Amino acid sequence: MLGDYCADLLVEDCLIIELKACKALADEHTAQILGYLRACHREHGLLMNFGAPKIEIKKFKM
């Protein structure tokens, strides 16, 4: 739990996964995952979008 926001998945206490179902990923989605990584002091994150015609996956490393 981060303030009023909650990450979708935390895997093995080291990987944060944020799931989306939208037509395209926006800068706000990137800012959200980066904020989670900073706030939780985690190094690795995935932003996954299942709403686009093709599944989009972006990796982040702090």
PDB file of N, CA and C in Angstrom:
ATOM      1  N   MET A   1       0.851  -1.188   0.000  1.00  0.00           N
ATOM      2  CA  MET A   1       0.000   0.000   0.000  1.00  0.00           C
ATOM      3  C   MET A   1       0.887   1.238   0.000  1.00  0.00           C
ATOM      4  N   LEU A   2       0.640   2.132  -0.925  1.00  0.00           N
ATOM      5  CA  LEU A   2       1.414   3.369  -1.027  1.00  0.00           C
ATOM      6  C   LEU A   2       0.456   4.548  -0.916  1.00  0.00           C
ATOM      7  N   GLY A   3       0.348   5.138   0.238  1.00  0.00           N
ATOM      8  CA  GLY A   3      -0.611   6.225   0.409  1.00  0.00           C
ATOM      9  C   GLY A   3      -2.003   5.689   0.146  1.00  0.00           C
ATOM     10  N   ASP A   4      -2.692   6.254  -0.826  1.00  0.00           N
ATOM     11  CA  ASP A   4      -4.021   5.777  -1.211  1.00  0.00           C
ATOM     12  C   ASP A   4      -3.962   4.835  -2.402  1.00  0.00           C
ATOM     13  N   TYR A   5      -2.778   4.471  -2.836  1.00  0.00           N
ATOM     14  CA  TYR A   5      -2.623   3.637  -4.019  1.00  0.00           C
ATOM     15  C   TYR A   5      -1.991   2.311  -3.634  1.00  0.00           C
ATOM     16  N   CYS A   6      -2.301   1.300  -4.401  1.00  0.00           N
ATOM     17  CA  CYS A   6      -1.799  -0.043  -4.101  1.00  0.00           C
ATOM     18  C   CYS A   6      -1.275  -0.672  -5.395  1.00  0.00           C
ATOM     19  N   ALA A   7      -0.048  -1.170  -5.354  1.00  0.00           N
ATOM     20  CA  ALA A   7       0.520  -1.846  -6.518  1.00  0.00           C
ATOM     21  C   ALA A   7      -0.277  -3.122  -6.786  1.00  0.00           C
ATOM     22  N   ASP A   8      -0.379  -3.501  -8.059  1.00  0.00           N
ATOM     23  CA  ASP A   8      -1.160  -4.684  -8.417  1.00  0.00           C
ATOM     24  C   ASP A   8      -0.527  -5.975  -7.922  1.00  0.00           C
ATOM     25  N   LEU A   9       0.775  -6.141  -8.165  1.00  0.00           N
ATOM     26  CA  LEU A   9       1.465  -7.362  -7.736  1.00  0.00           C
ATOM     27  C   LEU A   9       2.854  -7.027  -7.201  1.00  0.00           C
ATOM     28  N   LEU A  10       3.252  -7.721  -6.160  1.00  0.00           N
ATOM     29  CA  LEU A  10       4.613  -7.660  -5.647  1.00  0.00           C
ATOM     30  C   LEU A  10       5.114  -9.098  -5.611  1.00  0.00           C
ATOM     31  N   VAL A  11       6.109  -9.405  -6.444  1.00  0.00           N
ATOM     32  CA  VAL A  11       6.596 -10.773  -6.609  1.00  0.00           C
ATOM     33  C   VAL A  11       7.919 -10.931  -5.867  1.00  0.00           C
ATOM     34  N   GLU A  12       7.961 -11.937  -4.988  1.00  0.00           N
ATOM     35  CA  GLU A  12       9.181 -12.283  -4.246  1.00  0.00           C
ATOM     36  C   GLU A  12       9.786 -11.071  -3.525  1.00  0.00           C
ATOM     37  N   ASP A  13       8.954 -10.114  -3.168  1.00  0.00           N
ATOM     38  CA  ASP A  13       9.371  -8.916  -2.443  1.00  0.00           C
ATOM     39  C   ASP A  13      10.441  -8.110  -3.183  1.00  0.00           C
ATOM     40  N   CYS A  14      10.507  -8.266  -4.533  1.00  0.00           N
ATOM     41  CA  CYS A  14      11.524  -7.502  -5.267  1.00  0.00           C
ATOM     42  C   CYS A  14      11.040  -6.971  -6.618  1.00  0.00           C
ATOM     43  N   LEU A  15       9.952  -7.472  -7.151  1.00  0.00           N
ATOM     44  CA  LEU A  15       9.457  -7.054  -8.460  1.00  0.00           C
ATOM     45  C   LEU A  15       8.037  -6.527  -8.326  1.00  0.00           C
ATOM     46  N   ILE A  16       7.831  -5.275  -8.748  1.00  0.00           N
ATOM     47  CA  ILE A  16       6.495  -4.684  -8.744  1.00  0.00           C
ATOM     48  C   ILE A  16       5.923  -4.793 -10.146  1.00  0.00           C
ATOM     49  N   ILE A  17       4.700  -5.305 -10.254  1.00  0.00           N
ATOM     50  CA  ILE A  17       4.019  -5.421 -11.540  1.00  0.00           C
ATOM     51  C   ILE A  17       2.751  -4.587 -11.489  1.00  0.00           C
ATOM     52  N   GLU A  18       2.629  -3.681 -12.446  1.00  0.00           N
ATOM     53  CA  GLU A  18       1.438  -2.839 -12.560  1.00  0.00           C
ATOM     54  C   GLU A  18       0.706  -3.260 -13.829  1.00  0.00           C
ATOM     55  N   LEU A  19      -0.553  -3.645 -13.674  1.00  0.00           N
ATOM     56  CA  LEU A  19      -1.367  -4.135 -14.787  1.00  0.00           C
ATOM     57  C   LEU A  19      -2.317  -3.044 -15.268  1.00  0.00           C
ATOM     58  N   LYS A  20      -2.449  -2.942 -16.576  1.00  0.00           N
ATOM     59  CA  LYS A  20      -3.360  -1.976 -17.187  1.00  0.00           C
ATOM     60  C   LYS A  20      -4.193  -2.681 -18.251  1.00  0.00           C
ATOM     61  N   ALA A  21      -5.353  -2.111 -18.542  1.00  0.00           N
ATOM     62  CA  ALA A  21      -6.218  -2.585 -19.625  1.00  0.00           C
ATOM     63  C   ALA A  21      -6.740  -1.361 -20.350  1.00  0.00           C
ATOM     64  N   CYS A  22      -5.865  -0.711 -21.125  1.00  0.00           N
ATOM     65  CA  CYS A  22      -6.232   0.511 -21.841  1.00  0.00           C
ATOM     66  C   CYS A  22      -5.736   0.396 -23.286  1.00  0.00           C
ATOM     67  N   LYS A  23      -6.208   1.289 -24.138  1.00  0.00           N
ATOM     68  CA  LYS A  23      -5.830   1.219 -25.556  1.00  0.00           C
ATOM     69  C   LYS A  23      -4.338   1.439 -25.775  1.00  0.00           C
ATOM     70  N   ALA A  24      -3.739   2.314 -24.954  1.00  0.00           N
ATOM     71  CA  ALA A  24      -2.306   2.585 -25.070  1.00  0.00           C
ATOM     72  C   ALA A  24      -1.783   3.065 -23.727  1.00  0.00           C
ATOM     73  N   LEU A  25      -0.535   2.744 -23.454  1.00  0.00           N
ATOM     74  CA  LEU A  25       0.087   3.221 -22.223  1.00  0.00           C
ATOM     75  C   LEU A  25       0.378   4.717 -22.354  1.00  0.00           C
ATOM     76  N   ALA A  26       0.212   5.427 -21.252  1.00  0.00           N
ATOM     77  CA  ALA A  26       0.443   6.873 -21.236  1.00  0.00           C
ATOM     78  C   ALA A  26       1.587   7.187 -20.273  1.00  0.00           C
ATOM     79  N   ASP A  27       2.064   8.423 -20.335  1.00  0.00           N
ATOM     80  CA  ASP A  27       3.141   8.854 -19.443  1.00  0.00           C
ATOM     81  C   ASP A  27       2.743   8.717 -17.974  1.00  0.00           C
ATOM     82  N   GLU A  28       1.461   8.876 -17.680  1.00  0.00           N
ATOM     83  CA  GLU A  28       0.993   8.748 -16.290  1.00  0.00           C
ATOM     84  C   GLU A  28       1.228   7.331 -15.756  1.00  0.00           C
ATOM     85  N   HIS A  29       1.101   6.343 -16.625  1.00  0.00           N
ATOM     86  CA  HIS A  29       1.318   4.960 -16.212  1.00  0.00           C
ATOM     87  C   HIS A  29       2.791   4.725 -15.867  1.00  0.00           C
ATOM     88  N   THR A  30       3.667   5.286 -16.669  1.00  0.00           N
ATOM     89  CA  THR A  30       5.100   5.188 -16.399  1.00  0.00           C
ATOM     90  C   THR A  30       5.434   5.891 -15.084  1.00  0.00           C
ATOM     91  N   ALA A  31       4.884   7.080 -14.888  1.00  0.00           N
ATOM     92  CA  ALA A  31       5.118   7.816 -13.649  1.00  0.00           C
ATOM     93  C   ALA A  31       4.621   7.026 -12.440  1.00  0.00           C
ATOM     94  N   GLN A  32       3.507   6.337 -12.592  1.00  0.00           N
ATOM     95  CA  GLN A  32       2.938   5.556 -11.503  1.00  0.00           C
ATOM     96  C   GLN A  32       3.886   4.432 -11.082  1.00  0.00           C
ATOM     97  N   ILE A  33       4.376   3.645 -12.024  1.00  0.00           N
ATOM     98  CA  ILE A  33       5.265   2.530 -11.683  1.00  0.00           C
ATOM     99  C   ILE A  33       6.591   3.045 -11.113  1.00  0.00           C
ATOM    100  N   LEU A  34       7.105   4.135 -11.663  1.00  0.00           N
ATOM    101  CA  LEU A  34       8.349   4.702 -11.132  1.00  0.00           C
ATOM    102  C   LEU A  34       8.149   5.225  -9.709  1.00  0.00           C
ATOM    103  N   GLY A  35       6.997   5.797  -9.433  1.00  0.00           N
ATOM    104  CA  GLY A  35       6.676   6.244  -8.081  1.00  0.00           C
ATOM    105  C   GLY A  35       6.613   5.085  -7.110  1.00  0.00           C
ATOM    106  N   TYR A  36       6.011   3.983  -7.526  1.00  0.00           N
ATOM    107  CA  TYR A  36       5.950   2.783  -6.691  1.00  0.00           C
ATOM    108  C   TYR A  36       7.357   2.260  -6.394  1.00  0.00           C
ATOM    109  N   LEU A  37       8.205   2.219  -7.413  1.00  0.00           N
ATOM    110  CA  LEU A  37       9.566   1.716  -7.225  1.00  0.00           C
ATOM    111  C   LEU A  37      10.342   2.589  -6.232  1.00  0.00           C
ATOM    112  N   ARG A  38      10.221   3.909  -6.380  1.00  0.00           N
ATOM    113  CA  ARG A  38      10.908   4.815  -5.459  1.00  0.00           C
ATOM    114  C   ARG A  38      10.369   4.685  -4.038  1.00  0.00           C
ATOM    115  N   ALA A  39       9.071   4.668  -3.902  1.00  0.00           N
ATOM    116  CA  ALA A  39       8.447   4.634  -2.575  1.00  0.00           C
ATOM    117  C   ALA A  39       8.724   3.324  -1.837  1.00  0.00           C
ATOM    118  N   CYS A  40       8.797   2.231  -2.570  1.00  0.00           N
ATOM    119  CA  CYS A  40       9.014   0.910  -1.944  1.00  0.00           C
ATOM    120  C   CYS A  40      10.483   0.511  -1.903  1.00  0.00           C
ATOM    121  N   HIS A  41      11.351   1.346  -2.471  1.00  0.00           N
ATOM    122  CA  HIS A  41      12.788   1.040  -2.534  1.00  0.00           C
ATOM    123  C   HIS A  41      13.029  -0.302  -3.208  1.00  0.00           C
ATOM    124  N   ARG A  42      12.374  -0.501  -4.334  1.00  0.00           N
ATOM    125  CA  ARG A  42      12.561  -1.706  -5.137  1.00  0.00           C
ATOM    126  C   ARG A  42      13.301  -1.322  -6.415  1.00  0.00           C
ATOM    127  N   GLU A  43      14.005  -2.285  -6.999  1.00  0.00           N
ATOM    128  CA  GLU A  43      14.815  -2.020  -8.182  1.00  0.00           C
ATOM    129  C   GLU A  43      14.105  -2.334  -9.487  1.00  0.00           C
ATOM    130  N   HIS A  44      13.225  -3.322  -9.510  1.00  0.00           N
ATOM    131  CA  HIS A  44      12.667  -3.819 -10.756  1.00  0.00           C
ATOM    132  C   HIS A  44      11.141  -3.674 -10.799  1.00  0.00           C
ATOM    133  N   GLY A  45      10.652  -3.295 -11.991  1.00  0.00           N
ATOM    134  CA  GLY A  45       9.217  -3.180 -12.177  1.00  0.00           C
ATOM    135  C   GLY A  45       8.815  -3.531 -13.601  1.00  0.00           C
ATOM    136  N   LEU A  46       7.580  -3.998 -13.743  1.00  0.00           N
ATOM    137  CA  LEU A  46       6.997  -4.282 -15.052  1.00  0.00           C
ATOM    138  C   LEU A  46       5.682  -3.538 -15.161  1.00  0.00           C
ATOM    139  N   LEU A  47       5.474  -2.926 -16.306  1.00  0.00           N
ATOM    140  CA  LEU A  47       4.210  -2.283 -16.629  1.00  0.00           C
ATOM    141  C   LEU A  47       3.621  -3.070 -17.789  1.00  0.00           C
ATOM    142  N   MET A  48       2.461  -3.697 -17.551  1.00  0.00           N
ATOM    143  CA  MET A  48       1.857  -4.571 -18.554  1.00  0.00           C
ATOM    144  C   MET A  48       0.478  -4.046 -18.936  1.00  0.00           C
ATOM    145  N   ASN A  49       0.238  -3.959 -20.239  1.00  0.00           N
ATOM    146  CA  ASN A  49      -1.048  -3.485 -20.750  1.00  0.00           C
ATOM    147  C   ASN A  49      -1.696  -4.586 -21.587  1.00  0.00           C
ATOM    148  N   PHE A  50      -2.877  -5.013 -21.149  1.00  0.00           N
ATOM    149  CA  PHE A  50      -3.604  -6.070 -21.841  1.00  0.00           C
ATOM    150  C   PHE A  50      -4.739  -5.533 -22.705  1.00  0.00           C
ATOM    151  N   GLY A  51      -4.924  -4.206 -22.747  1.00  0.00           N
ATOM    152  CA  GLY A  51      -6.042  -3.625 -23.483  1.00  0.00           C
ATOM    153  C   GLY A  51      -5.720  -3.248 -24.917  1.00  0.00           C
ATOM    154  N   ALA A  52      -4.462  -3.249 -25.290  1.00  0.00           N
ATOM    155  CA  ALA A  52      -4.044  -2.898 -26.654  1.00  0.00           C
ATOM    156  C   ALA A  52      -4.210  -4.117 -27.567  1.00  0.00           C
ATOM    157  N   PRO A  53      -4.203  -3.900 -28.876  1.00  0.00           N
ATOM    158  CA  PRO A  53      -4.298  -5.048 -29.797  1.00  0.00           C
ATOM    159  C   PRO A  53      -3.207  -6.101 -29.557  1.00  0.00           C
ATOM    160  N   LYS A  54      -2.009  -5.653 -29.169  1.00  0.00           N
ATOM    161  CA  LYS A  54      -0.919  -6.556 -28.774  1.00  0.00           C
ATOM    162  C   LYS A  54      -0.568  -6.249 -27.329  1.00  0.00           C
ATOM    163  N   ILE A  55      -0.255  -7.265 -26.555  1.00  0.00           N
ATOM    164  CA  ILE A  55       0.139  -7.051 -25.156  1.00  0.00           C
ATOM    165  C   ILE A  55       1.417  -6.224 -25.131  1.00  0.00           C
ATOM    166  N   GLU A  56       1.416  -5.178 -24.302  1.00  0.00           N
ATOM    167  CA  GLU A  56       2.595  -4.318 -24.146  1.00  0.00           C
ATOM    168  C   GLU A  56       3.214  -4.605 -22.786  1.00  0.00           C
ATOM    169  N   ILE A  57       4.537  -4.759 -22.763  1.00  0.00           N
ATOM    170  CA  ILE A  57       5.261  -4.972 -21.519  1.00  0.00           C
ATOM    171  C   ILE A  57       6.485  -4.057 -21.526  1.00  0.00           C
ATOM    172  N   LYS A  58       6.613  -3.238 -20.479  1.00  0.00           N
ATOM    173  CA  LYS A  58       7.774  -2.371 -20.333  1.00  0.00           C
ATOM    174  C   LYS A  58       8.478  -2.733 -19.030  1.00  0.00           C
ATOM    175  N   LYS A  59       9.807  -2.862 -19.120  1.00  0.00           N
ATOM    176  CA  LYS A  59      10.625  -3.155 -17.947  1.00  0.00           C
ATOM    177  C   LYS A  59      11.235  -1.861 -17.418  1.00  0.00           C
ATOM    178  N   PHE A  60      11.320  -1.780 -16.086  1.00  0.00           N
ATOM    179  CA  PHE A  60      11.937  -0.617 -15.445  1.00  0.00           C
ATOM    180  C   PHE A  60      12.945  -1.095 -14.426  1.00  0.00           C
ATOM    181  N   LYS A  61      14.071  -0.400 -14.367  1.00  0.00           N
ATOM    182  CA  LYS A  61      15.096  -0.701 -13.374  1.00  0.00           C
ATOM    183  C   LYS A  61      15.582   0.622 -12.810  1.00  0.00           C
ATOM    184  N   MET A  62      15.596   0.690 -11.510  1.00  0.00           N
ATOM    185  CA  MET A  62      16.042   1.922 -10.831  1.00  0.00           C
ATOM    186  C   MET A  62      17.518   1.829 -10.500  1.00  0.00           C
TER     187      MET A  62
END
